[in-house]
Protein backbone atom coordinates (compact mmCIF):
# COMPACT_ATOMS: atom_id res chain seq x y z
CA MET A 1 0.40 -0.35 0.08
CA GLU A 2 1.32 3.32 -0.97
CA ILE A 3 1.60 6.17 1.48
CA ARG A 4 -0.22 8.68 -0.10
CA THR A 5 1.47 12.58 -0.29
CA ALA A 6 -0.21 15.61 -0.36
CA ASN A 7 0.48 18.08 -3.17
CA LYS A 8 2.60 20.56 -1.39
CA SER A 9 6.54 21.63 -1.97
CA THR A 10 9.00 18.92 -1.52
CA MET A 11 10.53 21.60 0.72
CA SER A 12 8.05 20.60 3.52
CA PRO A 13 10.03 20.11 6.70
CA SER A 14 10.27 16.18 7.26
CA VAL A 15 8.26 13.99 9.24
CA ALA A 16 8.41 10.56 10.80
CA ILE A 17 5.34 8.95 12.31
CA VAL A 18 7.01 6.55 14.99
CA ILE A 19 4.94 3.90 16.55
CA LEU A 20 6.10 1.98 19.46
CA ASN A 21 4.89 -1.46 19.23
CA TRP A 22 5.22 -4.45 22.05
CA ASN A 23 2.99 -6.98 21.17
CA GLY A 24 0.57 -4.88 19.51
CA LYS A 25 -0.28 -7.05 16.54
CA LYS A 26 -3.96 -6.68 16.29
CA TRP A 27 -3.51 -3.05 16.80
CA LEU A 28 -1.16 -2.78 14.00
CA GLU A 29 -3.64 -4.77 12.24
CA LYS A 30 -6.72 -2.48 13.32
CA PHE A 31 -5.22 0.92 12.84
CA LEU A 32 -2.20 0.84 10.45
CA PRO A 33 -4.25 0.96 7.62
CA SER A 34 -5.95 4.37 9.21
CA VAL A 35 -2.06 5.65 9.56
CA VAL A 36 -0.40 4.70 5.79
CA LYS A 37 -3.55 7.07 4.35
CA SER A 38 -1.85 10.03 6.16
CA VAL A 39 -1.91 12.81 3.89
CA TYR A 40 1.82 14.80 3.91
CA PRO A 41 4.45 15.67 1.74
CA ASN A 42 7.72 14.72 3.44
CA LEU A 43 6.81 11.80 5.36
CA GLN A 44 8.36 8.37 7.01
CA ILE A 45 6.41 5.76 8.58
CA VAL A 46 8.71 3.95 11.23
CA VAL A 47 7.54 0.84 13.22
CA GLY A 48 9.96 0.52 16.55
CA ASP A 49 9.53 -2.70 18.24
CA ASN A 50 9.86 -3.44 21.85
CA CYS A 51 10.74 -7.13 21.03
CA SER A 52 7.69 -8.23 20.52
CA ASN A 53 6.89 -11.97 20.31
CA ASP A 54 3.21 -11.95 19.04
CA ASN A 55 4.52 -11.96 15.14
CA SER A 56 3.87 -8.05 14.53
CA VAL A 57 6.67 -7.19 12.95
CA ASP A 58 6.33 -10.16 10.54
CA PHE A 59 2.40 -8.63 9.97
CA VAL A 60 4.01 -4.84 9.12
CA GLN A 61 6.68 -6.52 7.01
CA THR A 62 4.32 -8.75 5.40
CA ASN A 63 1.87 -6.52 4.85
CA TYR A 64 3.33 -2.94 4.77
CA PRO A 65 6.95 -3.26 3.59
CA GLN A 66 7.23 0.55 2.56
CA ILE A 67 7.48 0.57 6.63
CA LYS A 68 10.39 1.03 8.56
CA ILE A 69 11.19 -1.38 11.03
CA ILE A 70 13.91 -0.74 13.74
CA LYS A 71 14.05 -3.17 16.72
CA ASN A 72 14.96 -3.16 20.56
CA GLN A 73 16.66 -6.35 21.60
CA GLN A 74 14.67 -5.82 24.91
CA ASN A 75 11.65 -4.19 26.31
CA LEU A 76 12.51 -0.75 27.21
CA GLY A 77 9.49 0.61 28.12
CA PHE A 78 7.91 3.96 26.52
CA ALA A 79 10.71 5.95 27.42
CA GLY A 80 13.59 3.72 27.27
CA GLY A 81 11.80 2.15 23.57
CA TYR A 82 11.58 5.76 22.34
CA ASN A 83 15.15 6.73 22.96
CA SER A 84 16.53 4.07 21.53
CA ILE A 85 14.49 3.61 18.29
CA LEU A 86 14.45 7.61 17.69
CA LYS A 87 18.64 7.68 17.36
CA ASN A 88 18.20 5.78 14.33
CA VAL A 89 15.24 8.59 12.72
CA ASP A 90 16.26 11.64 11.12
CA ALA A 91 13.39 13.59 10.50
CA ASP A 92 12.55 17.33 11.45
CA TYR A 93 9.50 16.53 13.29
CA TYR A 94 8.93 13.32 15.29
CA ILE A 95 5.44 11.97 16.07
CA LEU A 96 5.16 9.68 18.73
CA LEU A 97 1.91 8.07 17.77
CA ASN A 98 0.66 5.08 20.41
CA SER A 99 -0.63 1.52 18.18
CA ASP A 100 -3.87 2.09 19.43
CA VAL A 101 -4.48 5.29 17.46
CA GLU A 102 -7.25 5.68 14.43
CA VAL A 103 -5.73 8.89 12.44
CA THR A 104 -7.88 10.92 9.70
CA GLU A 105 -6.14 12.08 6.89
CA ASN A 106 -5.03 15.46 7.23
CA TRP A 107 -3.95 15.28 11.22
CA ILE A 108 -0.43 16.18 9.92
CA GLN A 109 -0.41 19.74 7.93
CA PRO A 110 -2.25 21.56 10.54
CA LEU A 111 0.02 21.04 13.76
CA ILE A 112 3.27 21.24 11.32
CA ASP A 113 2.03 24.81 10.57
CA LEU A 114 1.08 25.60 13.60
CA MET A 115 4.87 24.98 15.11
CA GLU A 116 6.41 26.38 12.50
CA SER A 117 4.65 29.13 13.03
CA ASP A 118 6.85 30.22 16.15
CA GLU A 119 10.08 29.21 16.34
CA LYS A 120 9.51 28.41 20.30
CA ILE A 121 7.33 25.82 20.16
CA ALA A 122 8.89 22.88 21.03
CA VAL A 123 5.84 20.38 21.44
CA ALA A 124 2.22 19.84 20.09
CA GLN A 125 -0.78 17.59 20.43
CA PRO A 126 -3.87 17.03 18.46
CA LYS A 127 -7.43 16.83 20.13
CA ILE A 128 -7.91 13.04 21.11
CA LYS A 129 -10.98 11.85 21.13
CA SER A 130 -11.99 8.25 22.46
CA GLN A 131 -11.82 5.13 19.57
CA ILE A 132 -14.65 3.89 21.07
CA GLU A 133 -17.15 6.75 21.51
CA LYS A 134 -16.32 9.36 18.78
CA ASN A 135 -18.25 11.89 20.22
CA LYS A 136 -16.32 12.11 24.05
CA PHE A 137 -12.52 13.50 24.32
CA GLU A 138 -10.13 10.81 25.66
CA TYR A 139 -8.77 10.28 28.82
CA ALA A 140 -5.29 9.95 27.83
CA GLY A 141 -4.96 13.47 26.73
CA ALA A 142 -8.53 15.16 25.35
CA ALA A 143 -7.74 18.62 24.44
CA GLY A 144 -4.22 19.20 25.98
CA GLY A 145 -2.68 18.34 29.69
CA TYR A 146 -2.41 20.80 32.60
CA LEU A 147 -1.30 20.68 36.12
CA ASP A 148 -2.45 21.78 39.35
CA THR A 149 -0.34 23.55 42.40
CA PHE A 150 0.53 19.80 43.58
CA GLY A 151 1.49 18.61 40.40
CA PHE A 152 -1.79 16.69 39.40
CA PRO A 153 -2.22 16.33 35.69
CA PHE A 154 -5.46 16.26 34.57
CA CYS A 155 -6.77 17.54 30.64
CA LYS A 156 -9.05 20.00 28.95
CA GLY A 157 -12.23 17.45 28.42
CA ARG A 158 -11.18 15.43 31.50
CA ILE A 159 -11.33 15.80 34.98
CA PHE A 160 -10.72 12.42 37.10
CA HIS A 161 -13.13 10.55 36.00
CA THR A 162 -15.65 12.89 34.42
CA VAL A 163 -14.70 12.80 30.43
CA GLU A 164 -16.69 15.49 27.90
CA ASN A 165 -18.73 15.58 24.89
CA ASP A 166 -16.80 16.99 22.22
CA THR A 167 -19.19 19.82 21.47
CA HIS A 168 -16.45 22.18 20.23
CA GLN A 169 -16.26 24.38 23.50
CA TYR A 170 -12.37 23.23 23.18
CA ASN A 171 -11.73 24.23 19.40
CA GLN A 172 -9.14 27.52 19.84
CA ILE A 173 -5.96 26.92 19.61
CA ASP A 174 -3.86 27.37 23.44
CA GLU A 175 -0.77 26.59 24.92
CA ILE A 176 -0.82 24.13 27.14
CA PHE A 177 1.48 22.26 30.07
CA TRP A 178 1.98 19.05 28.38
CA ALA A 179 1.01 16.86 25.79
CA SER A 180 -0.36 13.62 25.59
CA GLY A 181 2.11 10.36 23.83
CA ALA A 182 -0.72 9.62 22.26
CA GLY A 183 -0.06 11.65 19.51
CA PHE A 184 3.03 13.65 20.47
CA PHE A 185 4.18 15.89 17.87
CA ILE A 186 7.85 17.31 18.78
CA LYS A 187 11.02 19.05 16.69
CA SER A 188 13.14 16.42 16.41
CA LYS A 189 16.71 19.21 17.88
CA TYR A 190 14.48 20.02 20.85
CA TRP A 191 13.92 16.25 21.63
CA HIS A 192 18.05 15.81 21.42
CA LEU A 193 18.23 18.94 23.15
CA VAL A 194 16.68 17.48 25.71
CA ASP A 195 18.18 13.83 25.50
CA GLY A 196 14.07 12.59 25.13
CA LEU A 197 12.56 10.71 27.66
CA ASP A 198 13.18 9.71 31.12
CA LYS A 199 14.26 6.36 30.82
CA ASP A 200 14.51 5.10 34.56
CA LEU A 201 10.59 6.83 34.52
CA PHE A 202 9.83 3.44 32.05
CA ALA A 203 6.31 3.85 31.25
CA HIS A 204 3.88 6.65 32.38
CA MET A 205 4.10 10.91 33.54
CA GLU A 206 7.34 10.86 30.82
CA GLU A 207 5.92 13.00 28.21
CA ILE A 208 4.85 15.32 31.06
CA ASP A 209 8.24 15.13 32.67
CA LEU A 210 9.72 16.17 28.68
CA CYS A 211 7.25 18.95 28.74
CA TRP A 212 8.65 20.32 31.30
CA ARG A 213 11.82 20.09 31.13
CA LEU A 214 11.39 21.93 27.63
CA LYS A 215 8.96 24.69 29.37
CA ASN A 216 11.55 24.93 31.76
CA LEU A 217 14.16 26.17 29.14
CA GLY A 218 11.29 28.39 28.14
CA PHE A 219 9.92 26.29 25.16
CA LYS A 220 6.14 26.27 24.54
CA ILE A 221 4.04 23.52 24.17
CA MET A 222 0.75 23.82 22.22
CA TYR A 223 -2.50 22.35 21.31
CA CYS A 224 -3.96 22.40 18.00
CA PRO A 225 -7.99 21.35 17.61
CA ASP A 226 -7.37 21.24 14.12
CA ALA A 227 -6.75 17.71 14.10
CA GLU A 228 -8.14 14.60 15.38
CA ILE A 229 -7.28 11.65 16.63
CA TYR A 230 -8.97 8.37 17.76
CA HIS A 231 -7.60 6.77 20.79
CA VAL A 232 -8.62 3.43 22.67
CA GLY A 233 -7.09 3.93 25.41
CA GLY A 234 -5.38 1.23 27.72
CA GLY A 235 -4.35 -0.90 24.80
CA THR A 236 -1.14 -2.35 26.50
CA LEU A 237 -1.84 -1.36 30.23
CA ASN A 238 -5.01 -1.02 31.29
CA THR A 239 -6.60 1.15 34.51
CA GLU A 240 -7.00 -2.02 36.30
CA ASN A 241 -3.73 -2.83 36.72
CA ALA A 242 -1.81 -1.90 39.43
CA PHE A 243 1.66 -1.49 38.45
CA LYS A 244 0.45 1.53 36.17
CA THR A 245 -0.96 2.80 39.62
CA TYR A 246 2.63 2.62 40.68
CA LEU A 247 4.55 3.98 37.96
CA ASN A 248 1.38 7.10 38.15
CA PHE A 249 2.33 7.80 41.93
CA ARG A 250 5.89 6.91 41.34
CA ASN A 251 6.76 8.86 38.38
CA ASN A 252 4.58 11.97 39.61
CA LEU A 253 6.38 12.53 42.57
CA ILE A 254 9.98 11.76 40.51
CA ILE A 255 9.41 14.84 38.25
CA MET A 256 8.04 17.15 40.36
CA GLN A 257 11.43 16.51 41.64
CA LYS A 258 13.30 16.85 38.80
CA ASN A 259 11.79 19.86 37.48
CA LEU A 260 10.38 22.41 40.70
CA ALA A 261 12.41 25.32 41.28
CA LYS A 262 13.82 24.20 44.87
CA ASN A 263 12.22 27.01 46.89
CA GLU A 264 8.87 24.69 46.62
CA ALA A 265 9.71 21.61 45.41
CA TYR A 266 9.90 19.44 48.52
CA LEU A 267 7.34 21.43 50.11
CA LYS A 268 4.66 20.88 47.49
CA ILE A 269 6.02 16.80 47.04
CA PHE A 270 5.27 16.82 51.21
CA ILE A 271 1.98 17.90 50.60
CA ARG A 272 1.70 15.57 47.40
CA MET A 273 2.40 12.91 49.78
CA TRP A 274 -0.25 13.58 52.37
CA LEU A 275 -2.47 13.76 49.25
CA ASP A 276 -1.50 10.42 48.05
CA LEU A 277 -2.38 9.28 51.59
CA LEU A 278 -6.06 10.14 51.25
CA ALA A 279 -5.98 8.08 47.95
CA TRP A 280 -4.40 4.84 49.54
CA PHE A 281 -7.41 5.50 52.09
CA MET A 282 -9.96 5.39 49.03
CA PHE A 283 -8.58 2.11 47.82
CA ILE A 284 -7.85 0.42 51.51
CA ALA A 285 -11.91 1.48 52.00
CA LYS A 286 -12.75 -0.10 48.47
CA GLY A 287 -10.77 -3.40 49.35
CA LYS A 288 -8.46 -2.75 46.72
CA PHE A 289 -5.59 -3.79 48.59
CA LYS A 290 -3.15 -4.50 45.62
CA PHE A 291 -3.58 -0.95 44.82
CA ALA A 292 -3.24 0.57 47.77
CA TRP A 293 0.08 -1.42 48.50
CA ALA A 294 1.52 0.00 44.66
CA ILE A 295 1.23 3.57 46.45
CA ASN A 296 3.07 2.54 49.16
CA LYS A 297 5.80 1.08 46.96
CA ALA A 298 5.91 4.28 44.53
CA HIS A 299 6.41 6.16 47.90
CA THR A 300 9.43 3.89 49.07
CA TYR A 301 10.76 4.03 45.70
CA PHE A 302 10.91 7.79 45.70
CA VAL A 303 12.18 8.00 49.55
CA LEU A 304 15.21 5.60 48.65
CA ASN A 305 16.53 7.22 45.39
CA LEU A 306 16.01 11.01 46.70
CA PHE A 307 19.67 11.56 45.70
CA GLU A 308 19.62 9.80 42.53
CA THR A 309 16.62 12.09 41.22
CA ALA A 310 18.12 15.16 42.36
CA LYS A 311 21.31 14.21 39.93
CA LYS A 312 18.88 14.62 37.81
CA ARG A 313 17.60 18.65 37.94
CA LYS A 314 18.71 20.99 35.47
CA ALA A 315 20.85 24.44 36.66
CA THR A 316 17.25 26.09 35.42
CA GLN A 317 13.90 25.93 37.00
CA ILE A 318 11.34 28.34 36.56
CA ASP A 319 8.78 28.87 39.54
CA PHE A 320 6.45 26.94 38.72
CA LYS A 321 3.13 29.67 39.34
CA LYS A 322 4.67 31.12 35.96
CA HIS A 323 4.11 28.54 33.68
CA THR A 324 1.47 28.43 31.35
CA GLY A 325 -0.71 25.61 31.86
CA ILE A 326 -1.44 25.27 35.41
CA TYR A 327 -4.47 25.28 38.05
CA ASN A 328 -3.12 27.66 40.52
CA SER A 329 -5.27 25.14 43.44
CA SER A 330 -5.82 21.55 44.21
CA ILE A 331 -8.04 20.18 41.43
CA VAL A 332 -8.51 17.31 44.12
CA TRP A 333 -10.27 19.93 46.06
CA ALA A 334 -12.07 21.47 43.30
CA TYR A 335 -13.22 18.38 41.88
CA PHE A 336 -14.44 16.32 45.26
CA VAL A 337 -15.19 19.42 47.28
CA LYS A 338 -16.50 21.71 45.10
CA LYS A 339 -18.13 19.61 42.70
CA MET A 340 -15.82 21.51 39.71
CA HIS A 341 -16.13 18.48 37.04
CA TYR A 342 -15.69 20.26 33.68
CA PHE A 343 -12.83 22.27 32.70
CA ASN A 344 -14.49 25.22 31.95
CA LYS A 345 -15.24 26.14 35.60
CA LEU A 346 -12.13 26.47 36.43
CA SER A 347 -9.69 29.67 36.54
CA ILE A 348 -6.93 28.86 34.55
CA ALA A 349 -3.98 31.76 34.42
CA LYS A 350 -3.14 33.05 31.08
CA ARG A 351 0.23 34.41 30.57
């Protein structure tokens, strides 16, 4: 099958769609047909394989010989896997695309046009909607990512378990805090500038960490509503997996220590760990003991590795309240106490 291209100048920036695969044959079978129909004049598609054993590589080689395959010799996780693969990909822009994503034909050009308009834009994401219910936003990304004052991530269009219908209420280009790894556009020179993802995070929140590091250097992260993709979500590690809970709680603390300015890092982390304790009690009350234990493990790892994580702090941090894309209060308090379940009810500071 040919990769179709638009009738545009060959001077367009080069773009590589890079799909990291681990035993994802069923997703590649279902969604690669949409990916190869992507319209863009200077495009390559790469499948990076994290040592799969489900014949997914054979499937791609047989059915899509035009797609480049790069193999890792072991499962390096999302972060380490992409770091390894992208060392061997030459393009002006990388698009990190989950294997369980359906794309539309013209989803690339609007984001490239936006990113080309401003040298300071390092990362962007499209509108991410549910592949199961296409009128709804998708949990992992929606209309762009934000952080509250204690480092809790949430999205425009999704706060905790409230996922909004897309009624075009978030159809404005906007500067956000983080872009979803499900459909993550980044200028390759900035990927290499900050050495890509933190492989020690393995999976979950590594894209938030990458965006935060770039923001601390003065770069912008953007949301572009003029392109849509549809994400299944939980395709590799579902939400009822205690390992995912462990990674989320652990990695959230790690990225706070790495990226918050020194004058605020440890106070915010201290408060955040007490807020995590509320989640621990909630899991206990619901009889979800393995999830409560996952929080214990996450906190233990964080404390035991405080000094190792401290070595990753860069010389440049920006005071958190000066960033674009933050909620200067507690999203936990807003959602569970004040019953503010929708993004447009929040007061998000503009810069």
